[in-house]
Amino acid sequence: MKKGFTMIELIFVIVILGILASVAIPRLASTRTDAEISAAVGNIRTLIGDLSSYYAAKGEFGNAKWGDVTNVPIRLAEQKSAQDTIIVRNDAATEGAVYLPVDNIDCIVIRVKDSNAARPAYIEIGKVRANKKKGTCKEVVEAEPIEAYLGLKVPGITPIEKNDNKEPEAGVIALGSSISIHQ
């Protein structure tokens, strides 16, 4: 008698492995997406905390650079790191915007404005309109903590970031206020 498997037995094993793989692969893909969302939420929270702490300690941003305040990976529109860039910039084209990338897509736009006589210092957090429906970015901007940040308002301050209908589409956090949003 010969030892080994019959063709039918091998086919059954291959079919069972195929069924197991069809169940496991989507779960692995969703785990990666969940990790990206968690990382983005954590990065936004860290960034807000770092900016708030720096402002509380110094009372202004002055010529501080992003790298002096935080290690959160943010970048300029040109895909360059923003770590050596001054936080409060008033350049007309970008109005001081930096971006939080998710899956190498600029997903969240952040602007910081220092205080003046008319308003407090604040952080604006908005969606990058062109990318808000791309890849993992869609899930990030729909995550509950990010939606909560995007819904924050400060009386007398209108966010720069607007949607296609010219309605404000960003949250504003006044520095010096106590904001705590939990997942």
N, C-alpha and C. Protein backbone atom coordinates (compact mmCIF):
# COMPACT_ATOMS: atom_id res chain seq x y z
N MET A 1 0.83 -1.18 0.00
CA MET A 1 0.00 0.00 0.00
C MET A 1 0.88 1.25 0.00
N LYS A 2 0.53 2.23 -0.85
CA LYS A 2 1.29 3.47 -0.96
C LYS A 2 0.87 4.45 0.13
N LYS A 3 1.86 5.19 0.66
CA LYS A 3 1.57 6.19 1.65
C LYS A 3 1.46 7.54 0.95
N GLY A 4 0.57 8.41 1.43
CA GLY A 4 0.42 9.75 0.85
C GLY A 4 -1.05 10.15 0.85
N PHE A 5 -1.28 11.34 0.31
CA PHE A 5 -2.63 11.88 0.25
C PHE A 5 -3.22 11.68 -1.13
N THR A 6 -4.53 11.49 -1.17
CA THR A 6 -5.20 11.40 -2.47
C THR A 6 -5.46 12.81 -2.97
N MET A 7 -5.78 12.92 -4.21
CA MET A 7 -6.06 14.22 -4.83
C MET A 7 -7.27 14.87 -4.15
N ILE A 8 -8.28 14.12 -3.80
CA ILE A 8 -9.47 14.65 -3.14
C ILE A 8 -9.11 15.26 -1.79
N GLU A 9 -8.26 14.57 -1.02
CA GLU A 9 -7.85 15.09 0.28
C GLU A 9 -7.09 16.41 0.13
N LEU A 10 -6.22 16.49 -0.85
CA LEU A 10 -5.48 17.73 -1.09
C LEU A 10 -6.41 18.87 -1.50
N ILE A 11 -7.39 18.59 -2.30
CA ILE A 11 -8.35 19.62 -2.73
C ILE A 11 -9.13 20.13 -1.52
N PHE A 12 -9.56 19.22 -0.65
CA PHE A 12 -10.29 19.64 0.56
C PHE A 12 -9.42 20.53 1.45
N VAL A 13 -8.17 20.19 1.60
CA VAL A 13 -7.26 21.00 2.42
C VAL A 13 -7.10 22.39 1.80
N ILE A 14 -6.94 22.46 0.50
CA ILE A 14 -6.78 23.75 -0.18
C ILE A 14 -8.04 24.59 -0.04
N VAL A 15 -9.21 23.97 -0.18
CA VAL A 15 -10.48 24.69 -0.03
C VAL A 15 -10.62 25.24 1.39
N ILE A 16 -10.30 24.44 2.39
CA ILE A 16 -10.39 24.88 3.79
C ILE A 16 -9.43 26.04 4.04
N LEU A 17 -8.21 25.95 3.53
CA LEU A 17 -7.25 27.05 3.68
C LEU A 17 -7.75 28.33 3.00
N GLY A 18 -8.36 28.17 1.85
CA GLY A 18 -8.92 29.32 1.14
C GLY A 18 -10.04 29.99 1.93
N ILE A 19 -10.89 29.20 2.55
CA ILE A 19 -11.98 29.76 3.37
C ILE A 19 -11.41 30.49 4.58
N LEU A 20 -10.43 29.90 5.23
CA LEU A 20 -9.80 30.55 6.39
C LEU A 20 -9.12 31.86 5.98
N ALA A 21 -8.44 31.86 4.84
CA ALA A 21 -7.77 33.07 4.37
C ALA A 21 -8.78 34.16 4.02
N SER A 22 -9.92 33.79 3.45
CA SER A 22 -10.92 34.79 3.08
C SER A 22 -11.54 35.45 4.31
N VAL A 23 -11.51 34.77 5.44
CA VAL A 23 -12.00 35.35 6.68
C VAL A 23 -10.91 36.18 7.36
N ALA A 24 -9.68 35.71 7.34
CA ALA A 24 -8.60 36.36 8.08
C ALA A 24 -8.08 37.63 7.42
N ILE A 25 -7.96 37.66 6.11
CA ILE A 25 -7.35 38.81 5.43
C ILE A 25 -8.13 40.11 5.64
N PRO A 26 -9.45 40.14 5.50
CA PRO A 26 -10.16 41.40 5.77
C PRO A 26 -10.00 41.87 7.22
N ARG A 27 -9.95 40.92 8.15
CA ARG A 27 -9.75 41.32 9.55
C ARG A 27 -8.39 41.95 9.75
N LEU A 28 -7.37 41.44 9.10
CA LEU A 28 -6.03 42.02 9.22
C LEU A 28 -6.00 43.42 8.61
N ALA A 29 -6.69 43.61 7.49
CA ALA A 29 -6.72 44.93 6.84
C ALA A 29 -7.43 45.95 7.72
N SER A 30 -8.53 45.55 8.38
CA SER A 30 -9.25 46.49 9.23
C SER A 30 -8.45 46.82 10.49
N THR A 31 -7.62 45.91 10.94
CA THR A 31 -6.77 46.17 12.10
C THR A 31 -5.78 47.27 11.78
N ARG A 32 -5.23 47.28 10.57
CA ARG A 32 -4.29 48.32 10.15
C ARG A 32 -5.00 49.66 10.09
N THR A 33 -6.21 49.70 9.55
CA THR A 33 -6.98 50.94 9.48
C THR A 33 -7.29 51.47 10.87
N ASP A 34 -7.69 50.58 11.78
CA ASP A 34 -7.96 50.98 13.16
C ASP A 34 -6.72 51.57 13.81
N ALA A 35 -5.56 50.99 13.51
CA ALA A 35 -4.31 51.51 14.07
C ALA A 35 -4.00 52.90 13.52
N GLU A 36 -4.23 53.13 12.24
CA GLU A 36 -4.01 54.46 11.64
C GLU A 36 -4.94 55.50 12.27
N ILE A 37 -6.20 55.12 12.49
CA ILE A 37 -7.16 56.05 13.10
C ILE A 37 -6.72 56.38 14.53
N SER A 38 -6.35 55.37 15.29
CA SER A 38 -5.90 55.59 16.67
C SER A 38 -4.66 56.46 16.71
N ALA A 39 -3.74 56.23 15.79
CA ALA A 39 -2.51 57.04 15.75
C ALA A 39 -2.84 58.50 15.43
N ALA A 40 -3.75 58.73 14.48
CA ALA A 40 -4.13 60.10 14.12
C ALA A 40 -4.80 60.80 15.30
N VAL A 41 -5.71 60.12 15.98
CA VAL A 41 -6.38 60.71 17.14
C VAL A 41 -5.36 61.01 18.23
N GLY A 42 -4.46 60.09 18.47
CA GLY A 42 -3.41 60.31 19.47
C GLY A 42 -2.51 61.48 19.10
N ASN A 43 -2.16 61.58 17.81
CA ASN A 43 -1.31 62.68 17.37
C ASN A 43 -1.99 64.04 17.53
N ILE A 44 -3.28 64.11 17.23
CA ILE A 44 -4.01 65.38 17.40
C ILE A 44 -4.05 65.74 18.88
N ARG A 45 -4.37 64.78 19.73
CA ARG A 45 -4.41 65.05 21.18
C ARG A 45 -3.05 65.51 21.69
N THR A 46 -2.00 64.85 21.26
CA THR A 46 -0.65 65.22 21.69
C THR A 46 -0.30 66.62 21.20
N LEU A 47 -0.63 66.90 19.95
CA LEU A 47 -0.33 68.22 19.38
C LEU A 47 -1.05 69.32 20.14
N ILE A 48 -2.33 69.12 20.43
CA ILE A 48 -3.09 70.13 21.19
C ILE A 48 -2.49 70.30 22.57
N GLY A 49 -2.16 69.20 23.22
CA GLY A 49 -1.55 69.27 24.55
C GLY A 49 -0.20 69.98 24.53
N ASP A 50 0.63 69.66 23.53
CA ASP A 50 1.94 70.30 23.42
C ASP A 50 1.82 71.80 23.19
N LEU A 51 0.92 72.18 22.27
CA LEU A 51 0.74 73.61 21.99
C LEU A 51 0.18 74.34 23.20
N SER A 52 -0.78 73.72 23.88
CA SER A 52 -1.37 74.34 25.07
C SER A 52 -0.34 74.51 26.17
N SER A 53 0.48 73.49 26.40
CA SER A 53 1.51 73.56 27.43
C SER A 53 2.54 74.64 27.12
N TYR A 54 2.97 74.69 25.86
CA TYR A 54 3.96 75.70 25.48
C TYR A 54 3.39 77.10 25.67
N TYR A 55 2.14 77.29 25.23
CA TYR A 55 1.52 78.61 25.36
C TYR A 55 1.33 78.98 26.83
N ALA A 56 0.95 78.02 27.65
CA ALA A 56 0.76 78.29 29.08
C ALA A 56 2.09 78.68 29.74
N ALA A 57 3.18 78.05 29.32
CA ALA A 57 4.48 78.32 29.91
C ALA A 57 5.07 79.65 29.42
N LYS A 58 4.91 79.95 28.14
CA LYS A 58 5.57 81.12 27.55
C LYS A 58 4.64 82.33 27.39
N GLY A 59 3.33 82.10 27.28
CA GLY A 59 2.39 83.21 27.09
C GLY A 59 2.25 83.68 25.67
N GLU A 60 3.09 83.17 24.78
CA GLU A 60 3.02 83.49 23.34
C GLU A 60 3.86 82.46 22.58
N PHE A 61 3.70 82.46 21.27
CA PHE A 61 4.51 81.56 20.45
C PHE A 61 5.74 82.26 19.90
N GLY A 62 5.63 83.57 19.66
CA GLY A 62 6.77 84.32 19.15
C GLY A 62 7.35 83.67 17.91
N ASN A 63 8.64 83.37 17.93
CA ASN A 63 9.31 82.74 16.79
C ASN A 63 9.57 81.26 17.02
N ALA A 64 8.78 80.64 17.89
CA ALA A 64 8.96 79.21 18.18
C ALA A 64 8.69 78.39 16.93
N LYS A 65 9.46 77.34 16.78
CA LYS A 65 9.29 76.42 15.66
C LYS A 65 8.55 75.18 16.13
N TRP A 66 7.91 74.49 15.19
CA TRP A 66 7.15 73.29 15.52
C TRP A 66 8.02 72.27 16.25
N GLY A 67 9.26 72.11 15.81
CA GLY A 67 10.16 71.15 16.45
C GLY A 67 10.51 71.51 17.87
N ASP A 68 10.38 72.79 18.25
CA ASP A 68 10.63 73.22 19.62
C ASP A 68 9.48 72.83 20.54
N VAL A 69 8.32 72.61 19.96
CA VAL A 69 7.10 72.42 20.76
C VAL A 69 6.62 70.97 20.76
N THR A 70 6.75 70.27 19.65
CA THR A 70 6.16 68.93 19.56
C THR A 70 6.99 68.01 18.67
N ASN A 71 6.80 66.72 18.87
CA ASN A 71 7.43 65.71 18.01
C ASN A 71 6.41 65.05 17.09
N VAL A 72 5.18 65.54 17.10
CA VAL A 72 4.14 64.98 16.24
C VAL A 72 4.55 65.20 14.78
N PRO A 73 4.45 64.16 13.94
CA PRO A 73 4.88 64.31 12.54
C PRO A 73 3.89 65.15 11.73
N ILE A 74 4.20 66.41 11.57
CA ILE A 74 3.38 67.31 10.75
C ILE A 74 4.25 67.80 9.61
N ARG A 75 3.58 68.26 8.55
CA ARG A 75 4.35 68.72 7.40
C ARG A 75 3.68 69.88 6.71
N LEU A 76 4.43 70.51 5.84
CA LEU A 76 3.92 71.59 5.02
C LEU A 76 3.24 71.00 3.79
N ALA A 77 2.57 71.83 3.03
CA ALA A 77 1.85 71.35 1.84
C ALA A 77 2.79 70.72 0.82
N GLU A 78 4.04 71.10 0.84
CA GLU A 78 4.99 70.57 -0.14
C GLU A 78 5.55 69.21 0.27
N GLN A 79 4.92 68.52 1.20
CA GLN A 79 5.35 67.22 1.70
C GLN A 79 6.65 67.30 2.49
N LYS A 80 7.07 68.51 2.90
CA LYS A 80 8.27 68.67 3.70
C LYS A 80 7.90 68.73 5.16
N SER A 81 8.82 68.28 6.01
CA SER A 81 8.60 68.35 7.45
C SER A 81 8.45 69.80 7.88
N ALA A 82 7.57 70.03 8.84
CA ALA A 82 7.34 71.38 9.34
C ALA A 82 8.11 71.66 10.62
N GLN A 83 8.95 70.73 11.05
CA GLN A 83 9.63 70.86 12.34
C GLN A 83 10.51 72.11 12.43
N ASP A 84 11.08 72.59 11.32
CA ASP A 84 11.93 73.78 11.34
C ASP A 84 11.18 75.04 10.91
N THR A 85 9.86 74.97 10.90
CA THR A 85 9.03 76.09 10.47
C THR A 85 8.45 76.80 11.68
N ILE A 86 8.37 78.12 11.61
CA ILE A 86 7.78 78.90 12.70
C ILE A 86 6.29 78.56 12.81
N ILE A 87 5.81 78.42 14.03
CA ILE A 87 4.43 77.98 14.27
C ILE A 87 3.42 78.99 13.75
N VAL A 88 3.56 80.24 14.16
CA VAL A 88 2.58 81.26 13.77
C VAL A 88 3.14 82.01 12.57
N ARG A 89 2.66 81.64 11.39
CA ARG A 89 3.06 82.28 10.14
C ARG A 89 1.85 82.97 9.55
N ASN A 90 2.07 84.07 8.93
CA ASN A 90 0.96 84.81 8.32
C ASN A 90 1.13 84.93 6.81
N ASP A 91 1.74 83.91 6.20
CA ASP A 91 1.88 83.96 4.74
C ASP A 91 0.51 83.84 4.09
N ALA A 92 0.28 84.66 3.11
CA ALA A 92 -1.06 84.78 2.52
C ALA A 92 -1.53 83.49 1.85
N ALA A 93 -0.64 82.76 1.22
CA ALA A 93 -1.05 81.57 0.46
C ALA A 93 -1.59 80.46 1.36
N THR A 94 -0.91 80.17 2.46
CA THR A 94 -1.31 79.03 3.29
C THR A 94 -1.91 79.46 4.63
N GLU A 95 -1.76 80.71 4.97
CA GLU A 95 -2.23 81.24 6.25
C GLU A 95 -1.71 80.42 7.42
N GLY A 96 -0.47 79.95 7.28
CA GLY A 96 0.19 79.24 8.38
C GLY A 96 -0.21 77.79 8.54
N ALA A 97 -0.76 77.17 7.51
CA ALA A 97 -1.26 75.80 7.63
C ALA A 97 -0.13 74.77 7.65
N VAL A 98 -0.30 73.78 8.52
CA VAL A 98 0.50 72.57 8.50
C VAL A 98 -0.48 71.40 8.46
N TYR A 99 0.01 70.23 8.10
CA TYR A 99 -0.88 69.10 7.86
C TYR A 99 -0.43 67.88 8.65
N LEU A 100 -1.42 67.15 9.14
CA LEU A 100 -1.17 65.87 9.79
C LEU A 100 -1.44 64.80 8.73
N PRO A 101 -0.41 64.06 8.33
CA PRO A 101 -0.63 63.03 7.31
C PRO A 101 -1.18 61.73 7.91
N VAL A 102 -2.03 61.07 7.15
CA VAL A 102 -2.54 59.75 7.48
C VAL A 102 -2.38 58.91 6.22
N ASP A 103 -1.65 57.83 6.32
CA ASP A 103 -1.34 57.00 5.15
C ASP A 103 -0.69 57.82 4.05
N ASN A 104 0.17 58.76 4.42
CA ASN A 104 0.90 59.64 3.52
C ASN A 104 -0.01 60.59 2.73
N ILE A 105 -1.21 60.82 3.23
CA ILE A 105 -2.14 61.78 2.62
C ILE A 105 -2.36 62.90 3.64
N ASP A 106 -2.26 64.16 3.21
CA ASP A 106 -2.54 65.28 4.11
C ASP A 106 -4.02 65.24 4.45
N CYS A 107 -4.32 64.90 5.69
CA CYS A 107 -5.70 64.63 6.10
C CYS A 107 -6.29 65.74 6.96
N ILE A 108 -5.53 66.21 7.93
CA ILE A 108 -6.01 67.22 8.87
C ILE A 108 -5.13 68.47 8.71
N VAL A 109 -5.77 69.63 8.62
CA VAL A 109 -5.04 70.90 8.54
C VAL A 109 -5.08 71.56 9.91
N ILE A 110 -3.95 72.12 10.31
CA ILE A 110 -3.83 72.76 11.61
C ILE A 110 -3.25 74.16 11.40
N ARG A 111 -3.87 75.13 12.04
CA ARG A 111 -3.35 76.50 12.04
C ARG A 111 -3.32 76.99 13.47
N VAL A 112 -2.29 77.74 13.81
CA VAL A 112 -2.18 78.31 15.14
C VAL A 112 -2.09 79.82 14.98
N LYS A 113 -2.90 80.52 15.73
CA LYS A 113 -2.90 81.99 15.72
C LYS A 113 -2.59 82.48 17.12
N ASP A 114 -1.66 83.42 17.22
CA ASP A 114 -1.32 84.01 18.50
C ASP A 114 -2.39 85.01 18.90
N SER A 115 -2.41 85.38 20.16
CA SER A 115 -3.43 86.31 20.65
C SER A 115 -3.13 87.73 20.18
N ASN A 116 -4.19 88.50 20.10
CA ASN A 116 -4.07 89.94 19.91
C ASN A 116 -5.17 90.59 20.73
N ALA A 117 -5.33 91.88 20.62
CA ALA A 117 -6.30 92.58 21.46
C ALA A 117 -7.73 92.11 21.19
N ALA A 118 -8.01 91.65 19.98
CA ALA A 118 -9.38 91.29 19.61
C ALA A 118 -9.74 89.84 19.90
N ARG A 119 -8.73 88.95 20.04
CA ARG A 119 -9.05 87.53 20.21
C ARG A 119 -7.95 86.81 20.97
N PRO A 120 -8.30 85.68 21.57
CA PRO A 120 -7.28 84.87 22.26
C PRO A 120 -6.45 84.07 21.25
N ALA A 121 -5.36 83.51 21.71
CA ALA A 121 -4.61 82.58 20.86
C ALA A 121 -5.48 81.34 20.67
N TYR A 122 -5.39 80.74 19.48
CA TYR A 122 -6.23 79.57 19.23
C TYR A 122 -5.59 78.63 18.22
N ILE A 123 -6.11 77.41 18.23
CA ILE A 123 -5.72 76.37 17.27
C ILE A 123 -6.95 76.08 16.42
N GLU A 124 -6.76 76.06 15.12
CA GLU A 124 -7.84 75.66 14.20
C GLU A 124 -7.50 74.28 13.65
N ILE A 125 -8.46 73.37 13.73
CA ILE A 125 -8.29 72.01 13.22
C ILE A 125 -9.39 71.76 12.20
N GLY A 126 -9.01 71.44 10.96
CA GLY A 126 -10.00 71.22 9.91
C GLY A 126 -9.65 70.03 9.04
N LYS A 127 -10.59 69.68 8.17
CA LYS A 127 -10.40 68.60 7.21
C LYS A 127 -9.74 69.19 5.96
N VAL A 128 -8.87 68.43 5.35
CA VAL A 128 -8.34 68.84 4.05
C VAL A 128 -9.39 68.43 3.03
N ARG A 129 -10.11 69.42 2.50
CA ARG A 129 -11.26 69.14 1.63
C ARG A 129 -10.94 68.19 0.49
N ALA A 130 -9.81 68.39 -0.17
CA ALA A 130 -9.49 67.57 -1.33
C ALA A 130 -9.25 66.11 -0.97
N ASN A 131 -8.89 65.85 0.29
CA ASN A 131 -8.50 64.49 0.68
C ASN A 131 -9.44 63.83 1.68
N LYS A 132 -10.52 64.51 2.08
CA LYS A 132 -11.34 63.99 3.18
C LYS A 132 -12.09 62.71 2.85
N LYS A 133 -12.09 62.30 1.60
CA LYS A 133 -12.76 61.04 1.24
C LYS A 133 -11.79 60.01 0.68
N LYS A 134 -10.49 60.26 0.83
CA LYS A 134 -9.48 59.35 0.30
C LYS A 134 -9.02 58.38 1.37
N GLY A 135 -8.96 57.12 1.04
CA GLY A 135 -8.35 56.09 1.89
C GLY A 135 -8.76 56.14 3.34
N THR A 136 -7.79 56.00 4.22
CA THR A 136 -8.02 55.97 5.65
C THR A 136 -8.42 57.35 6.17
N CYS A 137 -8.10 58.39 5.43
CA CYS A 137 -8.43 59.76 5.85
C CYS A 137 -9.93 59.90 6.08
N LYS A 138 -10.74 59.24 5.28
CA LYS A 138 -12.20 59.31 5.44
C LYS A 138 -12.60 58.80 6.82
N GLU A 139 -12.03 57.67 7.24
CA GLU A 139 -12.36 57.12 8.55
C GLU A 139 -11.82 58.00 9.68
N VAL A 140 -10.66 58.64 9.46
CA VAL A 140 -10.08 59.49 10.50
C VAL A 140 -10.98 60.70 10.75
N VAL A 141 -11.41 61.40 9.70
CA VAL A 141 -12.23 62.60 9.91
C VAL A 141 -13.62 62.25 10.43
N GLU A 142 -14.04 60.98 10.28
CA GLU A 142 -15.33 60.55 10.81
C GLU A 142 -15.20 59.92 12.21
N ALA A 143 -13.98 59.78 12.72
CA ALA A 143 -13.79 59.22 14.06
C ALA A 143 -14.38 60.19 15.08
N GLU A 144 -15.01 59.63 16.10
CA GLU A 144 -15.74 60.44 17.08
C GLU A 144 -14.90 61.55 17.72
N PRO A 145 -13.66 61.28 18.18
CA PRO A 145 -12.89 62.37 18.79
C PRO A 145 -12.54 63.47 17.80
N ILE A 146 -12.22 63.10 16.57
CA ILE A 146 -11.87 64.11 15.56
C ILE A 146 -13.10 64.93 15.20
N GLU A 147 -14.25 64.28 15.05
CA GLU A 147 -15.49 65.04 14.78
C GLU A 147 -15.78 66.00 15.91
N ALA A 148 -15.49 65.60 17.15
CA ALA A 148 -15.72 66.49 18.29
C ALA A 148 -14.80 67.71 18.20
N TYR A 149 -13.54 67.50 17.86
CA TYR A 149 -12.62 68.63 17.69
C TYR A 149 -13.08 69.54 16.55
N LEU A 150 -13.54 68.95 15.47
CA LEU A 150 -13.99 69.73 14.32
C LEU A 150 -15.24 70.53 14.63
N GLY A 151 -15.97 70.14 15.65
CA GLY A 151 -17.20 70.84 16.01
C GLY A 151 -17.02 71.93 17.07
N LEU A 152 -15.82 72.08 17.60
CA LEU A 152 -15.60 73.09 18.64
C LEU A 152 -15.64 74.50 18.06
N LYS A 153 -16.23 75.41 18.80
CA LYS A 153 -16.35 76.80 18.37
C LYS A 153 -15.88 77.73 19.48
N VAL A 154 -15.38 78.88 19.09
CA VAL A 154 -15.02 79.94 20.02
C VAL A 154 -15.74 81.18 19.53
N PRO A 155 -16.54 81.81 20.39
CA PRO A 155 -17.27 83.01 19.97
C PRO A 155 -16.33 84.08 19.43
N GLY A 156 -16.71 84.66 18.31
CA GLY A 156 -15.93 85.74 17.71
C GLY A 156 -14.81 85.30 16.79
N ILE A 157 -14.59 83.98 16.66
CA ILE A 157 -13.53 83.50 15.77
C ILE A 157 -14.16 82.63 14.69
N THR A 158 -13.95 83.02 13.44
CA THR A 158 -14.44 82.25 12.31
C THR A 158 -13.27 81.49 11.71
N PRO A 159 -13.37 80.17 11.61
CA PRO A 159 -12.26 79.39 11.04
C PRO A 159 -11.98 79.78 9.59
N ILE A 160 -10.73 79.65 9.21
CA ILE A 160 -10.32 79.94 7.84
C ILE A 160 -10.79 78.82 6.92
N GLU A 161 -10.71 77.57 7.40
CA GLU A 161 -11.06 76.41 6.59
C GLU A 161 -12.56 76.40 6.34
N LYS A 162 -12.95 76.39 5.07
CA LYS A 162 -14.37 76.43 4.70
C LYS A 162 -14.66 75.28 3.72
N ASN A 163 -15.94 74.88 3.69
CA ASN A 163 -16.33 73.83 2.74
C ASN A 163 -16.67 74.47 1.39
N ASP A 164 -17.17 73.69 0.47
CA ASP A 164 -17.49 74.20 -0.88
C ASP A 164 -18.57 75.26 -0.86
N ASN A 165 -19.41 75.28 0.17
CA ASN A 165 -20.47 76.28 0.29
C ASN A 165 -20.03 77.50 1.10
N LYS A 166 -18.72 77.59 1.35
CA LYS A 166 -18.12 78.71 2.10
C LYS A 166 -18.57 78.75 3.56
N GLU A 167 -19.05 77.63 4.08
CA GLU A 167 -19.40 77.52 5.49
C GLU A 167 -18.17 77.06 6.26
N PRO A 168 -17.95 77.57 7.48
CA PRO A 168 -16.80 77.12 8.27
C PRO A 168 -16.83 75.60 8.46
N GLU A 169 -15.69 74.97 8.24
CA GLU A 169 -15.59 73.52 8.38
C GLU A 169 -14.34 73.15 9.17
N ALA A 170 -14.27 73.72 10.36
CA ALA A 170 -13.13 73.45 11.23
C ALA A 170 -13.52 73.75 12.66
N GLY A 171 -12.79 73.16 13.56
CA GLY A 171 -12.99 73.43 14.97
C GLY A 171 -11.95 74.43 15.45
N VAL A 172 -12.31 75.19 16.46
CA VAL A 172 -11.40 76.19 17.02
C VAL A 172 -11.27 75.92 18.51
N ILE A 173 -10.03 75.83 18.98
CA ILE A 173 -9.75 75.61 20.39
C ILE A 173 -8.98 76.82 20.89
N ALA A 174 -9.56 77.54 21.83
CA ALA A 174 -8.87 78.69 22.42
C ALA A 174 -7.81 78.16 23.37
N LEU A 175 -6.60 78.64 23.23
CA LEU A 175 -5.54 78.21 24.13
C LEU A 175 -5.74 78.86 25.48
N GLY A 176 -5.50 78.09 26.51
CA GLY A 176 -5.78 78.56 27.86
C GLY A 176 -7.11 78.03 28.35
N SER A 177 -7.93 77.45 27.42
CA SER A 177 -9.19 76.85 27.84
C SER A 177 -8.92 75.40 28.21
N SER A 178 -9.83 74.78 28.92
CA SER A 178 -9.63 73.38 29.27
C SER A 178 -10.53 72.54 28.38
N ILE A 179 -9.90 71.85 27.43
CA ILE A 179 -10.61 70.99 26.48
C ILE A 179 -10.19 69.56 26.74
N SER A 180 -11.16 68.69 26.89
CA SER A 180 -10.86 67.28 27.08
C SER A 180 -11.92 66.47 26.34
N ILE A 181 -11.49 65.77 25.32
CA ILE A 181 -12.42 64.94 24.56
C ILE A 181 -11.90 63.52 24.62
N HIS A 182 -12.71 62.60 25.10
CA HIS A 182 -12.29 61.22 25.28
C HIS A 182 -12.99 60.34 24.27
N GLN A 183 -12.30 59.30 23.88
CA GLN A 183 -12.86 58.38 22.90
C GLN A 183 -13.79 57.42 23.58
